[in-house]
Amino acid sequence: MAHGEGMLLEKNLVIFLFGILVWFCPLSCLCLDLTALNLKGMQVNQVSTLQGYGVRLTADLAIDSDLRTRAYDLSCSHTAEDPHPWWKVDLGANHCLGRITLVNRGDCCNERLTGAIVRAGTGSGILNNAACGLPVTTDQASIPGAHIQFVCDPPVMARYVSVDNENCLSGPGNNVLTLCEVMVEEYPREDCSYMATSSTLDTSFAIAGMTSSLLLEGKCIVGPRALSVLHMTSLIRCFQRCLNMKDECLSFDYVKTSGQCRLYDVKPGDLIVDDQPGCKVYVVVSSWLK
């Protein structure tokens, strides 16, 4: 059955190539790596500040580069109780943001972060900008001191990053927001305008005459060991990384919901796939036809 499925994949590829859409990517899209922004000293505020035990857990403690997760080590910001607690940093200028990471409290009460939303954009209001990724889940918040990542896919041009939670857990003491660190990573600025026009081109594309084509949707590759397993903010970036490996990478799959990008040296006729919602299987056509 695996051999038959591989032949079907190969046949589908040949059929699809007759209608392939070829699109040329500017050199700016070859910049693949995220760069961490230094947030220390940037303007930051929160809805209120917890004061007690002789300490003030101010908003700037979430961008002090101190990754300790004990709030009373003065390493975490902490609001007072509020129906809709929030925290916000002004980056001072627009940046092309790709990923934001929250470090949760580790000494207690980590479950309070459940439901928190990370937003990024050019609006200064707390609710003016779209969310990056999904709200913090119960499972994510259950891990003390967890580093919880939010992927902006596609990348977003933003001056402001905020965290808010209007769906706090019920019960006294839960309607607060504690952040032990907020980390922000960016792409080159031009990538935001590029991604805005190219993010829908996820069925086929080309770079400098090299093409890639969609084989299967809702499937992932199984069996062979991947050449590399990466986290990419878009399908096109996964494809670019495959191309950068020259003739080594012949196929790849990409899961949009998680950003997982797996690269393989397997031709379409030899691929074995299995059902996985949100996953797509591609091949690098020019490498396969050699």
C-alpha atoms as a PDB file:
ATOM      1  CA  MET A   1       0.000   0.000   0.000  1.00  0.00           C
ATOM      2  CA  ALA A   2       2.879   2.333   0.751  1.00  0.00           C
ATOM      3  CA  HIS A   3       4.283   1.778  -2.756  1.00  0.00           C
ATOM      4  CA  GLY A   4       0.888   2.434  -4.319  1.00  0.00           C
ATOM      5  CA  GLU A   5       0.454   5.578  -2.276  1.00  0.00           C
ATOM      6  CA  GLY A   6       3.890   6.737  -3.368  1.00  0.00           C
ATOM      7  CA  MET A   7       2.972   6.214  -7.038  1.00  0.00           C
ATOM      8  CA  LEU A   8      -0.209   8.207  -6.476  1.00  0.00           C
ATOM      9  CA  LEU A   9       1.818  11.041  -4.976  1.00  0.00           C
ATOM     10  CA  GLU A  10       4.123  11.031  -7.997  1.00  0.00           C
ATOM     11  CA  LYS A  11       1.172  11.020 -10.410  1.00  0.00           C
ATOM     12  CA  ASN A  12      -0.510  13.880  -8.525  1.00  0.00           C
ATOM     13  CA  LEU A  13       2.696  15.881  -8.745  1.00  0.00           C
ATOM     14  CA  VAL A  14       2.990  15.474 -12.522  1.00  0.00           C
ATOM     15  CA  ILE A  15      -0.654  16.460 -13.008  1.00  0.00           C
ATOM     16  CA  PHE A  16      -0.298  19.470 -10.740  1.00  0.00           C
ATOM     17  CA  LEU A  17       2.804  20.732 -12.540  1.00  0.00           C
ATOM     18  CA  PHE A  18       0.799  21.511 -15.671  1.00  0.00           C
ATOM     19  CA  GLY A  19      -1.081  24.163 -13.718  1.00  0.00           C
ATOM     20  CA  ILE A  20       1.734  25.343 -11.475  1.00  0.00           C
ATOM     21  CA  LEU A  21       1.769  28.965 -10.473  1.00  0.00           C
ATOM     22  CA  VAL A  22       5.311  30.351 -10.635  1.00  0.00           C
ATOM     23  CA  TRP A  23       6.069  33.309  -8.420  1.00  0.00           C
ATOM     24  CA  PHE A  24       9.433  35.004  -7.952  1.00  0.00           C
ATOM     25  CA  CYS A  25      10.511  36.048  -4.496  1.00  0.00           C
ATOM     26  CA  PRO A  26      12.680  39.122  -3.801  1.00  0.00           C
ATOM     27  CA  LEU A  27      16.058  38.636  -2.157  1.00  0.00           C
ATOM     28  CA  SER A  28      14.707  40.092   1.088  1.00  0.00           C
ATOM     29  CA  CYS A  29      12.726  36.935   1.751  1.00  0.00           C
ATOM     30  CA  LEU A  30      15.927  34.915   2.087  1.00  0.00           C
ATOM     31  CA  CYS A  31      16.450  36.356   5.576  1.00  0.00           C
ATOM     32  CA  LEU A  32      15.280  33.453   7.680  1.00  0.00           C
ATOM     33  CA  ASP A  33      16.372  33.966  11.263  1.00  0.00           C
ATOM     34  CA  LEU A  34      14.560  35.809  13.999  1.00  0.00           C
ATOM     35  CA  THR A  35      16.523  38.373  15.997  1.00  0.00           C
ATOM     36  CA  ALA A  36      15.787  39.117  19.656  1.00  0.00           C
ATOM     37  CA  LEU A  37      14.899  42.693  20.499  1.00  0.00           C
ATOM     38  CA  ASN A  38      16.499  44.212  23.582  1.00  0.00           C
ATOM     39  CA  LEU A  39      13.496  45.567  25.506  1.00  0.00           C
ATOM     40  CA  LYS A  40      15.386  46.768  28.561  1.00  0.00           C
ATOM     41  CA  GLY A  41      14.734  50.435  29.189  1.00  0.00           C
ATOM     42  CA  MET A  42      11.767  50.696  26.838  1.00  0.00           C
ATOM     43  CA  GLN A  43       8.609  52.444  27.977  1.00  0.00           C
ATOM     44  CA  VAL A  44       6.346  49.944  29.708  1.00  0.00           C
ATOM     45  CA  ASN A  45       3.252  50.107  31.864  1.00  0.00           C
ATOM     46  CA  GLN A  46       0.463  47.992  33.291  1.00  0.00           C
ATOM     47  CA  VAL A  47      -3.050  48.559  34.549  1.00  0.00           C
ATOM     48  CA  SER A  48      -1.872  48.717  38.178  1.00  0.00           C
ATOM     49  CA  THR A  49       0.992  47.519  40.349  1.00  0.00           C
ATOM     50  CA  LEU A  50       0.882  45.103  43.254  1.00  0.00           C
ATOM     51  CA  GLN A  51       2.292  46.625  46.423  1.00  0.00           C
ATOM     52  CA  GLY A  52       2.898  44.489  49.453  1.00  0.00           C
ATOM     53  CA  TYR A  53       5.546  42.978  51.695  1.00  0.00           C
ATOM     54  CA  GLY A  54       7.624  46.096  51.114  1.00  0.00           C
ATOM     55  CA  VAL A  55       8.000  45.542  47.345  1.00  0.00           C
ATOM     56  CA  ARG A  56       6.490  46.984  44.165  1.00  0.00           C
ATOM     57  CA  LEU A  57       6.321  44.521  41.271  1.00  0.00           C
ATOM     58  CA  THR A  58       6.438  47.100  38.500  1.00  0.00           C
ATOM     59  CA  ALA A  59       5.855  46.582  34.764  1.00  0.00           C
ATOM     60  CA  ASP A  60       9.541  46.968  33.849  1.00  0.00           C
ATOM     61  CA  LEU A  61      10.435  43.801  35.767  1.00  0.00           C
ATOM     62  CA  ALA A  62       9.038  41.837  32.802  1.00  0.00           C
ATOM     63  CA  ILE A  63      11.722  43.228  30.476  1.00  0.00           C
ATOM     64  CA  ASP A  64      14.767  43.230  32.761  1.00  0.00           C
ATOM     65  CA  SER A  65      16.406  40.143  31.142  1.00  0.00           C
ATOM     66  CA  ASP A  66      16.084  38.332  34.491  1.00  0.00           C
ATOM     67  CA  LEU A  67      14.569  34.908  33.793  1.00  0.00           C
ATOM     68  CA  ARG A  68      14.039  33.948  37.423  1.00  0.00           C
ATOM     69  CA  THR A  69      10.422  33.019  38.074  1.00  0.00           C
ATOM     70  CA  ARG A  70       9.968  33.816  41.778  1.00  0.00           C
ATOM     71  CA  ALA A  71       7.873  36.968  41.896  1.00  0.00           C
ATOM     72  CA  TYR A  72       9.289  38.188  45.193  1.00  0.00           C
ATOM     73  CA  ASP A  73      12.831  37.953  43.876  1.00  0.00           C
ATOM     74  CA  LEU A  74      11.807  41.175  42.106  1.00  0.00           C
ATOM     75  CA  SER A  75      12.056  39.442  38.745  1.00  0.00           C
ATOM     76  CA  CYS A  76       8.382  39.550  37.691  1.00  0.00           C
ATOM     77  CA  SER A  77       5.796  42.227  37.016  1.00  0.00           C
ATOM     78  CA  HIS A  78       2.510  41.856  38.896  1.00  0.00           C
ATOM     79  CA  THR A  79      -0.723  43.832  38.658  1.00  0.00           C
ATOM     80  CA  ALA A  80      -3.188  44.389  41.454  1.00  0.00           C
ATOM     81  CA  GLU A  81      -6.577  42.747  41.093  1.00  0.00           C
ATOM     82  CA  ASP A  82      -8.520  44.099  38.136  1.00  0.00           C
ATOM     83  CA  PRO A  83     -11.457  42.851  36.021  1.00  0.00           C
ATOM     84  CA  HIS A  84      -9.257  43.065  32.905  1.00  0.00           C
ATOM     85  CA  PRO A  85      -5.556  43.153  33.835  1.00  0.00           C
ATOM     86  CA  TRP A  86      -3.066  44.191  31.140  1.00  0.00           C
ATOM     87  CA  TRP A  87       0.610  44.946  30.487  1.00  0.00           C
ATOM     88  CA  LYS A  88       2.110  46.842  27.518  1.00  0.00           C
ATOM     89  CA  VAL A  89       5.510  47.817  26.105  1.00  0.00           C
ATOM     90  CA  ASP A  90       6.228  50.570  23.573  1.00  0.00           C
ATOM     91  CA  LEU A  91       9.043  49.449  21.243  1.00  0.00           C
ATOM     92  CA  GLY A  92       9.700  53.043  20.233  1.00  0.00           C
ATOM     93  CA  ALA A  93       9.412  52.327  16.497  1.00  0.00           C
ATOM     94  CA  ASN A  94       7.790  49.817  14.195  1.00  0.00           C
ATOM     95  CA  HIS A  95       9.354  46.352  14.024  1.00  0.00           C
ATOM     96  CA  CYS A  96       8.449  43.291  11.954  1.00  0.00           C
ATOM     97  CA  LEU A  97       7.561  40.880  14.752  1.00  0.00           C
ATOM     98  CA  GLY A  98       7.570  37.119  14.308  1.00  0.00           C
ATOM     99  CA  ARG A  99       7.484  35.604  17.799  1.00  0.00           C
ATOM    100  CA  ILE A 100       6.724  36.684  21.351  1.00  0.00           C
ATOM    101  CA  THR A 101       7.509  34.574  24.420  1.00  0.00           C
ATOM    102  CA  LEU A 102       6.024  34.893  27.896  1.00  0.00           C
ATOM    103  CA  VAL A 103       7.793  33.442  30.930  1.00  0.00           C
ATOM    104  CA  ASN A 104       5.200  32.365  33.485  1.00  0.00           C
ATOM    105  CA  ARG A 105       5.558  32.544  37.247  1.00  0.00           C
ATOM    106  CA  GLY A 106       7.215  29.509  38.803  1.00  0.00           C
ATOM    107  CA  ASP A 107       6.862  29.796  42.567  1.00  0.00           C
ATOM    108  CA  CYS A 108       3.059  29.653  42.669  1.00  0.00           C
ATOM    109  CA  CYS A 109      -0.136  30.691  40.948  1.00  0.00           C
ATOM    110  CA  ASN A 110       1.103  29.919  37.427  1.00  0.00           C
ATOM    111  CA  GLU A 111      -2.425  28.836  36.444  1.00  0.00           C
ATOM    112  CA  ARG A 112      -3.538  32.474  36.593  1.00  0.00           C
ATOM    113  CA  LEU A 113      -2.028  33.049  33.138  1.00  0.00           C
ATOM    114  CA  THR A 114      -4.721  30.823  31.570  1.00  0.00           C
ATOM    115  CA  GLY A 115      -6.609  32.771  28.909  1.00  0.00           C
ATOM    116  CA  ALA A 116      -3.997  35.520  28.497  1.00  0.00           C
ATOM    117  CA  ILE A 117      -3.736  37.003  25.006  1.00  0.00           C
ATOM    118  CA  VAL A 118      -0.655  38.535  23.362  1.00  0.00           C
ATOM    119  CA  ARG A 119      -1.327  41.361  20.908  1.00  0.00           C
ATOM    120  CA  ALA A 120       1.008  43.275  18.588  1.00  0.00           C
ATOM    121  CA  GLY A 121       0.460  46.172  16.226  1.00  0.00           C
ATOM    122  CA  THR A 122       0.698  49.900  15.658  1.00  0.00           C
ATOM    123  CA  GLY A 123      -2.276  50.868  17.818  1.00  0.00           C
ATOM    124  CA  SER A 124      -1.461  52.205  21.269  1.00  0.00           C
ATOM    125  CA  GLY A 125      -4.730  50.993  22.803  1.00  0.00           C
ATOM    126  CA  ILE A 126      -4.741  47.671  24.628  1.00  0.00           C
ATOM    127  CA  LEU A 127      -7.458  46.161  22.424  1.00  0.00           C
ATOM    128  CA  ASN A 128      -6.541  47.909  19.155  1.00  0.00           C
ATOM    129  CA  ASN A 129      -4.199  45.219  17.846  1.00  0.00           C
ATOM    130  CA  ALA A 130      -4.724  41.683  16.614  1.00  0.00           C
ATOM    131  CA  ALA A 131      -3.639  38.697  18.661  1.00  0.00           C
ATOM    132  CA  CYS A 132      -0.459  36.768  17.863  1.00  0.00           C
ATOM    133  CA  GLY A 133      -1.223  33.085  18.216  1.00  0.00           C
ATOM    134  CA  LEU A 134      -3.880  31.692  20.525  1.00  0.00           C
ATOM    135  CA  PRO A 135      -4.706  32.472  24.172  1.00  0.00           C
ATOM    136  CA  VAL A 136      -2.726  30.638  26.843  1.00  0.00           C
ATOM    137  CA  THR A 137      -4.257  27.220  27.423  1.00  0.00           C
ATOM    138  CA  THR A 138      -4.827  25.501  30.744  1.00  0.00           C
ATOM    139  CA  ASP A 139      -2.124  22.968  29.873  1.00  0.00           C
ATOM    140  CA  GLN A 140       0.412  25.691  29.046  1.00  0.00           C
ATOM    141  CA  ALA A 141      -0.331  27.585  32.263  1.00  0.00           C
ATOM    142  CA  SER A 142      -0.124  24.423  34.359  1.00  0.00           C
ATOM    143  CA  ILE A 143       3.677  24.283  34.012  1.00  0.00           C
ATOM    144  CA  PRO A 144       5.457  26.500  36.581  1.00  0.00           C
ATOM    145  CA  GLY A 145       7.936  28.870  34.969  1.00  0.00           C
ATOM    146  CA  ALA A 146       6.981  27.797  31.437  1.00  0.00           C
ATOM    147  CA  HIS A 147       8.232  29.712  28.393  1.00  0.00           C
ATOM    148  CA  ILE A 148       5.079  30.091  26.283  1.00  0.00           C
ATOM    149  CA  GLN A 149       5.556  31.089  22.647  1.00  0.00           C
ATOM    150  CA  PHE A 150       3.153  33.073  20.475  1.00  0.00           C
ATOM    151  CA  VAL A 151       3.849  33.079  16.736  1.00  0.00           C
ATOM    152  CA  CYS A 152       2.757  36.042  14.615  1.00  0.00           C
ATOM    153  CA  ASP A 153       1.911  34.318  11.332  1.00  0.00           C
ATOM    154  CA  PRO A 154       2.242  36.176   9.081  1.00  0.00           C
ATOM    155  CA  PRO A 155       4.718  38.524  10.772  1.00  0.00           C
ATOM    156  CA  VAL A 156       3.165  41.794  11.909  1.00  0.00           C
ATOM    157  CA  MET A 157       4.431  45.355  11.797  1.00  0.00           C
ATOM    158  CA  ALA A 158       4.160  46.553  15.373  1.00  0.00           C
ATOM    159  CA  ARG A 159       5.277  49.263  17.751  1.00  0.00           C
ATOM    160  CA  TYR A 160       3.282  47.997  20.718  1.00  0.00           C
ATOM    161  CA  VAL A 161       3.166  44.562  22.355  1.00  0.00           C
ATOM    162  CA  SER A 162       0.595  43.921  25.052  1.00  0.00           C
ATOM    163  CA  VAL A 163      -0.689  41.084  27.194  1.00  0.00           C
ATOM    164  CA  ASP A 164      -4.199  41.112  28.604  1.00  0.00           C
ATOM    165  CA  ASN A 165      -6.634  38.691  30.166  1.00  0.00           C
ATOM    166  CA  GLU A 166     -10.337  39.397  30.257  1.00  0.00           C
ATOM    167  CA  ASN A 167     -11.138  35.762  30.958  1.00  0.00           C
ATOM    168  CA  CYS A 168      -9.341  35.327  34.255  1.00  0.00           C
ATOM    169  CA  LEU A 169      -9.953  32.241  36.343  1.00  0.00           C
ATOM    170  CA  SER A 170     -12.788  32.614  38.816  1.00  0.00           C
ATOM    171  CA  GLY A 171     -12.019  32.973  42.496  1.00  0.00           C
ATOM    172  CA  PRO A 172     -10.336  35.554  44.709  1.00  0.00           C
ATOM    173  CA  GLY A 173      -6.814  36.571  43.742  1.00  0.00           C
ATOM    174  CA  ASN A 174      -7.023  35.238  40.190  1.00  0.00           C
ATOM    175  CA  ASN A 175      -7.827  38.431  38.290  1.00  0.00           C
ATOM    176  CA  VAL A 176      -4.211  39.573  38.176  1.00  0.00           C
ATOM    177  CA  LEU A 177      -1.476  39.387  35.542  1.00  0.00           C
ATOM    178  CA  THR A 178       2.043  38.265  36.457  1.00  0.00           C
ATOM    179  CA  LEU A 179       4.813  38.165  33.837  1.00  0.00           C
ATOM    180  CA  CYS A 180       8.322  37.061  34.740  1.00  0.00           C
ATOM    181  CA  GLU A 181       9.682  38.008  31.323  1.00  0.00           C
ATOM    182  CA  VAL A 182       8.416  39.081  27.911  1.00  0.00           C
ATOM    183  CA  MET A 183      10.728  38.353  24.963  1.00  0.00           C
ATOM    184  CA  VAL A 184      10.146  39.699  21.463  1.00  0.00           C
ATOM    185  CA  GLU A 185      11.806  38.533  18.230  1.00  0.00           C
ATOM    186  CA  GLU A 186      11.751  40.283  14.871  1.00  0.00           C
ATOM    187  CA  TYR A 187      12.434  39.758  11.169  1.00  0.00           C
ATOM    188  CA  PRO A 188      13.974  42.366   8.871  1.00  0.00           C
ATOM    189  CA  ARG A 189      11.388  45.123   8.451  1.00  0.00           C
ATOM    190  CA  GLU A 190      10.882  44.541   4.733  1.00  0.00           C
ATOM    191  CA  ASP A 191       9.674  40.993   5.419  1.00  0.00           C
ATOM    192  CA  CYS A 192       6.376  42.310   6.788  1.00  0.00           C
ATOM    193  CA  SER A 193       5.402  43.965   3.523  1.00  0.00           C
ATOM    194  CA  TYR A 194       6.598  40.914   1.618  1.00  0.00           C
ATOM    195  CA  MET A 195       4.630  38.491   3.753  1.00  0.00           C
ATOM    196  CA  ALA A 196       1.485  40.625   3.481  1.00  0.00           C
ATOM    197  CA  THR A 197       1.402  40.019  -0.267  1.00  0.00           C
ATOM    198  CA  SER A 198       2.702  36.452  -0.338  1.00  0.00           C
ATOM    199  CA  SER A 199       1.093  34.676   2.622  1.00  0.00           C
ATOM    200  CA  THR A 200      -1.787  33.338   0.493  1.00  0.00           C
ATOM    201  CA  LEU A 201       0.540  31.790  -2.091  1.00  0.00           C
ATOM    202  CA  ASP A 202       0.745  28.448  -0.346  1.00  0.00           C
ATOM    203  CA  THR A 203      -0.049  26.052  -3.180  1.00  0.00           C
ATOM    204  CA  SER A 204       3.011  26.593  -5.379  1.00  0.00           C
ATOM    205  CA  PHE A 205       5.784  29.093  -5.853  1.00  0.00           C
ATOM    206  CA  ALA A 206       9.323  29.482  -7.175  1.00  0.00           C
ATOM    207  CA  ILE A 207      12.568  31.200  -6.296  1.00  0.00           C
ATOM    208  CA  ALA A 208      15.056  31.898  -9.079  1.00  0.00           C
ATOM    209  CA  GLY A 209      13.516  29.184 -11.246  1.00  0.00           C
ATOM    210  CA  MET A 210      13.339  26.528  -8.519  1.00  0.00           C
ATOM    211  CA  THR A 211       9.800  25.357  -7.883  1.00  0.00           C
ATOM    212  CA  SER A 212       7.884  23.625  -5.151  1.00  0.00           C
ATOM    213  CA  SER A 213       4.471  22.034  -5.454  1.00  0.00           C
ATOM    214  CA  LEU A 214       1.744  20.950  -3.060  1.00  0.00           C
ATOM    215  CA  LEU A 215       1.160  17.210  -3.062  1.00  0.00           C
ATOM    216  CA  LEU A 216      -1.268  16.579  -0.229  1.00  0.00           C
ATOM    217  CA  GLU A 217      -3.213  18.641   2.266  1.00  0.00           C
ATOM    218  CA  GLY A 218      -4.158  17.310   5.693  1.00  0.00           C
ATOM    219  CA  LYS A 219      -1.256  14.824   5.556  1.00  0.00           C
ATOM    220  CA  CYS A 220       2.226  14.620   7.080  1.00  0.00           C
ATOM    221  CA  ILE A 221       5.251  12.550   6.113  1.00  0.00           C
ATOM    222  CA  VAL A 222       5.911   9.503   8.286  1.00  0.00           C
ATOM    223  CA  GLY A 223       8.650   6.899   8.379  1.00  0.00           C
ATOM    224  CA  PRO A 224      11.990   8.428   7.397  1.00  0.00           C
ATOM    225  CA  ARG A 225      14.075  10.452   9.777  1.00  0.00           C
ATOM    226  CA  ALA A 226      13.916  14.172   9.012  1.00  0.00           C
ATOM    227  CA  LEU A 227      17.055  15.992   7.911  1.00  0.00           C
ATOM    228  CA  SER A 228      15.973  18.851  10.132  1.00  0.00           C
ATOM    229  CA  VAL A 229      12.999  19.828  12.294  1.00  0.00           C
ATOM    230  CA  LEU A 230      12.535  23.599  12.577  1.00  0.00           C
ATOM    231  CA  HIS A 231      10.045  26.199  13.714  1.00  0.00           C
ATOM    232  CA  MET A 232       9.072  28.574  10.888  1.00  0.00           C
ATOM    233  CA  THR A 233       6.505  31.370  10.899  1.00  0.00           C
ATOM    234  CA  SER A 234       5.268  30.587   7.395  1.00  0.00           C
ATOM    235  CA  LEU A 235       5.168  27.908   4.756  1.00  0.00           C
ATOM    236  CA  ILE A 236       7.294  29.987   2.392  1.00  0.00           C
ATOM    237  CA  ARG A 237      10.076  30.253   4.981  1.00  0.00           C
ATOM    238  CA  CYS A 238      10.009  26.463   5.380  1.00  0.00           C
ATOM    239  CA  PHE A 239      10.412  26.149   1.622  1.00  0.00           C
ATOM    240  CA  GLN A 240      13.274  28.658   1.611  1.00  0.00           C
ATOM    241  CA  ARG A 241      15.138  26.687   4.264  1.00  0.00           C
ATOM    242  CA  CYS A 242      14.685  23.548   2.160  1.00  0.00           C
ATOM    243  CA  LEU A 243      16.149  25.339  -0.865  1.00  0.00           C
ATOM    244  CA  ASN A 244      19.087  26.564   1.190  1.00  0.00           C
ATOM    245  CA  MET A 245      20.060  22.923   1.705  1.00  0.00           C
ATOM    246  CA  LYS A 246      20.581  22.707  -2.071  1.00  0.00           C
ATOM    247  CA  ASP A 247      20.144  19.143  -3.347  1.00  0.00           C
ATOM    248  CA  GLU A 248      19.817  17.551   0.094  1.00  0.00           C
ATOM    249  CA  CYS A 249      16.193  18.561   0.709  1.00  0.00           C
ATOM    250  CA  LEU A 250      13.771  16.959  -1.755  1.00  0.00           C
ATOM    251  CA  SER A 251      10.510  17.240   0.191  1.00  0.00           C
ATOM    252  CA  PHE A 252       9.066  18.786   3.324  1.00  0.00           C
ATOM    253  CA  ASP A 253       5.893  19.059   5.361  1.00  0.00           C
ATOM    254  CA  TYR A 254       4.597  22.063   7.261  1.00  0.00           C
ATOM    255  CA  VAL A 255       2.043  22.400  10.078  1.00  0.00           C
ATOM    256  CA  LYS A 256       0.585  25.910  10.060  1.00  0.00           C
ATOM    257  CA  THR A 257      -0.914  25.748  13.559  1.00  0.00           C
ATOM    258  CA  SER A 258       2.409  24.964  15.236  1.00  0.00           C
ATOM    259  CA  GLY A 259       4.908  26.261  12.652  1.00  0.00           C
ATOM    260  CA  GLN A 260       6.643  22.867  12.514  1.00  0.00           C
ATOM    261  CA  CYS A 261       8.787  22.517   9.385  1.00  0.00           C
ATOM    262  CA  ARG A 262      10.351  19.114   8.664  1.00  0.00           C
ATOM    263  CA  LEU A 263      12.809  18.655   5.808  1.00  0.00           C
ATOM    264  CA  TYR A 264      13.462  15.311   4.071  1.00  0.00           C
ATOM    265  CA  ASP A 265      15.727  13.840   1.397  1.00  0.00           C
ATOM    266  CA  VAL A 266      12.865  11.648   0.098  1.00  0.00           C
ATOM    267  CA  LYS A 267      11.473  11.764  -3.459  1.00  0.00           C
ATOM    268  CA  PRO A 268       7.676  11.893  -3.923  1.00  0.00           C
ATOM    269  CA  GLY A 269       7.481   8.330  -5.183  1.00  0.00           C
ATOM    270  CA  ASP A 270       9.011   7.071  -1.933  1.00  0.00           C
ATOM    271  CA  LEU A 271       6.975   9.185   0.481  1.00  0.00           C
ATOM    272  CA  ILE A 272       4.699   7.605   3.087  1.00  0.00           C
ATOM    273  CA  VAL A 273       2.102   9.908   4.603  1.00  0.00           C
ATOM    274  CA  ASP A 274      -0.521   9.861   7.315  1.00  0.00           C
ATOM    275  CA  ASP A 275      -3.502  12.016   8.243  1.00  0.00           C
ATOM    276  CA  GLN A 276      -2.780  15.139  10.271  1.00  0.00           C
ATOM    277  CA  PRO A 277      -5.104  18.154  10.143  1.00  0.00           C
ATOM    278  CA  GLY A 278      -3.356  21.399   9.238  1.00  0.00           C
ATOM    279  CA  CYS A 279      -0.314  19.658   7.731  1.00  0.00           C
ATOM    280  CA  LYS A 280       0.718  19.901   4.076  1.00  0.00           C
ATOM    281  CA  VAL A 281       3.254  17.874   2.092  1.00  0.00           C
ATOM    282  CA  TYR A 282       5.392  19.554  -0.585  1.00  0.00           C
ATOM    283  CA  VAL A 283       8.256  18.540  -2.846  1.00  0.00           C
ATOM    284  CA  VAL A 284      11.037  20.587  -4.414  1.00  0.00           C
ATOM    285  CA  VAL A 285      10.281  19.918  -8.041  1.00  0.00           C
ATOM    286  CA  SER A 286      13.582  20.991  -9.611  1.00  0.00           C
ATOM    287  CA  SER A 287      15.563  18.663  -7.329  1.00  0.00           C
ATOM    288  CA  TRP A 288      13.254  15.726  -8.039  1.00  0.00           C
ATOM    289  CA  LEU A 289      13.441  16.134 -11.825  1.00  0.00           C
ATOM    290  CA  LYS A 290      17.265  15.995 -11.928  1.00  0.00           C
END
